[in-house]
Amino acid sequence: MSSFLKAYLTFTHGQVLEDDKTADGAEIGMPNTTYRRILLTGLFGNTVVMASNGHLPYPFGREYSGITVPDLKSTVAKATAAGATILWGLFSGHGGDSAIVSFPGGFVTEIHDGTIR
């Protein structure tokens, strides 16, 4: 286990829920590849650690945050009606659906449905 992961689990009093070393790369814009996806839970909620080769295609790696919503399609429709642009998605992947959206002013975020990612 990496020193980062060990320190993070100690800090959050967390535990590993899933460690998939061959997660579908299509989830991060890299079809026909794999990456490591680790699902964690702890005192501060759920966390997803995504480990790749670091060479992610646009817009991946440029989002500032992730937002969980109860109805992804409705939220994305409202966002685009307000001037946001869908950069990627709607994508159905491990644990649910997601999209990467750019809001006016340049704020880029991943929006995903209410399931753990």
Protein backbone atom coordinates (compact mmCIF):
# COMPACT_ATOMS: atom_id res chain seq x y z
CA MET A 1 0.00 0.00 0.00
CA SER A 2 1.39 3.42 -0.92
CA SER A 3 2.49 5.83 1.78
CA PHE A 4 -0.21 8.30 0.63
CA LEU A 5 -2.98 5.73 0.95
CA LYS A 6 -1.75 4.53 4.35
CA ALA A 7 -1.54 8.12 5.66
CA TYR A 8 -4.94 9.04 4.24
CA LEU A 9 -6.63 6.01 5.80
CA THR A 10 -4.99 6.77 9.15
CA PHE A 11 -6.08 10.43 9.01
CA THR A 12 -9.68 9.65 8.02
CA HIS A 13 -9.96 6.49 10.15
CA GLY A 14 -10.97 4.98 6.85
CA GLN A 15 -11.09 1.63 5.20
CA VAL A 16 -10.81 0.36 1.65
CA LEU A 17 -14.17 -0.69 0.20
CA GLU A 18 -12.79 -1.69 -3.20
CA ASP A 19 -9.38 -1.73 -4.88
CA ASP A 20 -9.75 -2.40 -8.61
CA LYS A 21 -6.38 -2.50 -10.35
CA THR A 22 -8.04 -3.06 -13.73
CA ALA A 23 -10.86 -0.47 -13.74
CA ASP A 24 -12.24 0.42 -17.17
CA GLY A 25 -10.20 3.30 -18.61
CA ALA A 26 -13.27 4.53 -20.51
CA GLU A 27 -14.42 6.00 -17.18
CA ILE A 28 -11.58 8.53 -17.42
CA GLY A 29 -11.66 9.07 -21.17
CA MET A 30 -9.20 6.32 -22.05
CA PRO A 31 -11.11 3.44 -23.67
CA ASN A 32 -9.30 0.14 -24.19
CA THR A 33 -7.03 0.77 -21.18
CA THR A 34 -7.20 0.19 -17.45
CA TYR A 35 -6.37 2.22 -14.35
CA ARG A 36 -6.46 1.70 -10.59
CA ARG A 37 -9.62 2.88 -8.78
CA ILE A 38 -9.78 2.65 -4.98
CA LEU A 39 -13.03 3.32 -3.11
CA LEU A 40 -12.57 4.43 0.50
CA THR A 41 -14.87 5.35 3.35
CA GLY A 42 -14.02 7.20 6.53
CA LEU A 43 -14.96 9.95 8.95
CA PHE A 44 -15.16 12.55 6.17
CA GLY A 45 -17.34 10.51 3.81
CA ASN A 46 -16.50 8.49 0.74
CA THR A 47 -13.41 9.06 -1.41
CA VAL A 48 -12.36 7.72 -4.78
CA VAL A 49 -8.64 7.53 -5.52
CA MET A 50 -7.90 7.24 -9.22
CA ALA A 51 -4.36 6.26 -10.23
CA SER A 52 -3.42 6.46 -13.89
CA ASN A 53 -0.27 7.06 -15.91
CA GLY A 54 -0.94 10.79 -15.50
CA HIS A 55 -1.58 11.38 -19.20
CA LEU A 56 -5.31 12.06 -19.19
CA PRO A 57 -7.13 13.42 -22.25
CA TYR A 58 -9.02 16.73 -22.01
CA PRO A 59 -11.14 17.47 -19.96
CA PHE A 60 -10.02 14.86 -17.41
CA GLY A 61 -7.73 16.12 -14.67
CA ARG A 62 -8.94 19.68 -15.12
CA GLU A 63 -12.02 19.51 -12.92
CA TYR A 64 -11.88 21.36 -9.63
CA SER A 65 -14.40 19.24 -7.74
CA GLY A 66 -17.03 16.57 -7.91
CA ILE A 67 -20.69 17.16 -7.17
CA THR A 68 -23.15 14.42 -6.23
CA VAL A 69 -26.76 15.02 -7.27
CA PRO A 70 -29.90 12.89 -7.01
CA ASP A 71 -30.86 13.31 -10.71
CA LEU A 72 -27.94 13.74 -13.10
CA LYS A 73 -29.95 14.26 -16.29
CA SER A 74 -32.12 16.97 -14.73
CA THR A 75 -29.12 18.74 -13.20
CA VAL A 76 -27.17 18.71 -16.48
CA ALA A 77 -30.24 20.00 -18.33
CA LYS A 78 -30.56 22.89 -15.86
CA ALA A 79 -26.82 23.63 -16.08
CA THR A 80 -26.79 23.73 -19.88
CA ALA A 81 -29.93 25.90 -19.93
CA ALA A 82 -28.01 28.34 -17.69
CA GLY A 83 -25.03 28.44 -20.09
CA ALA A 84 -22.86 25.52 -18.98
CA THR A 85 -21.17 23.28 -21.54
CA ILE A 86 -20.95 19.49 -21.34
CA LEU A 87 -17.29 18.56 -21.88
CA TRP A 88 -17.76 14.80 -21.45
CA GLY A 89 -20.67 12.45 -20.81
CA LEU A 90 -23.28 11.58 -19.87
CA PHE A 91 -21.35 8.40 -19.17
CA SER A 92 -22.56 5.25 -17.44
CA GLY A 93 -19.70 3.66 -15.54
CA HIS A 94 -18.78 1.91 -12.34
CA GLY A 95 -21.23 2.88 -9.65
CA GLY A 96 -23.33 5.29 -11.69
CA ASP A 97 -23.53 8.00 -14.29
CA SER A 98 -21.43 11.15 -14.62
CA ALA A 99 -20.60 14.15 -16.78
CA ILE A 100 -17.86 16.78 -16.76
CA VAL A 101 -19.33 20.27 -17.13
CA SER A 102 -17.79 23.71 -17.64
CA PHE A 103 -19.73 26.59 -16.15
CA PRO A 104 -19.51 30.21 -17.34
CA GLY A 105 -16.37 31.71 -15.86
CA GLY A 106 -14.35 28.52 -16.35
CA PHE A 107 -15.39 26.42 -13.33
CA VAL A 108 -15.08 22.76 -14.40
CA THR A 109 -16.60 19.99 -12.28
CA GLU A 110 -17.61 16.37 -12.49
CA ILE A 111 -21.30 15.90 -11.72
CA HIS A 112 -22.40 12.39 -10.82
CA ASP A 113 -25.46 10.67 -9.53
CA GLY A 114 -25.93 9.86 -5.86
CA THR A 115 -24.12 6.52 -5.78
CA ILE A 116 -20.59 6.02 -4.48
CA ARG A 117 -18.05 6.40 -7.29
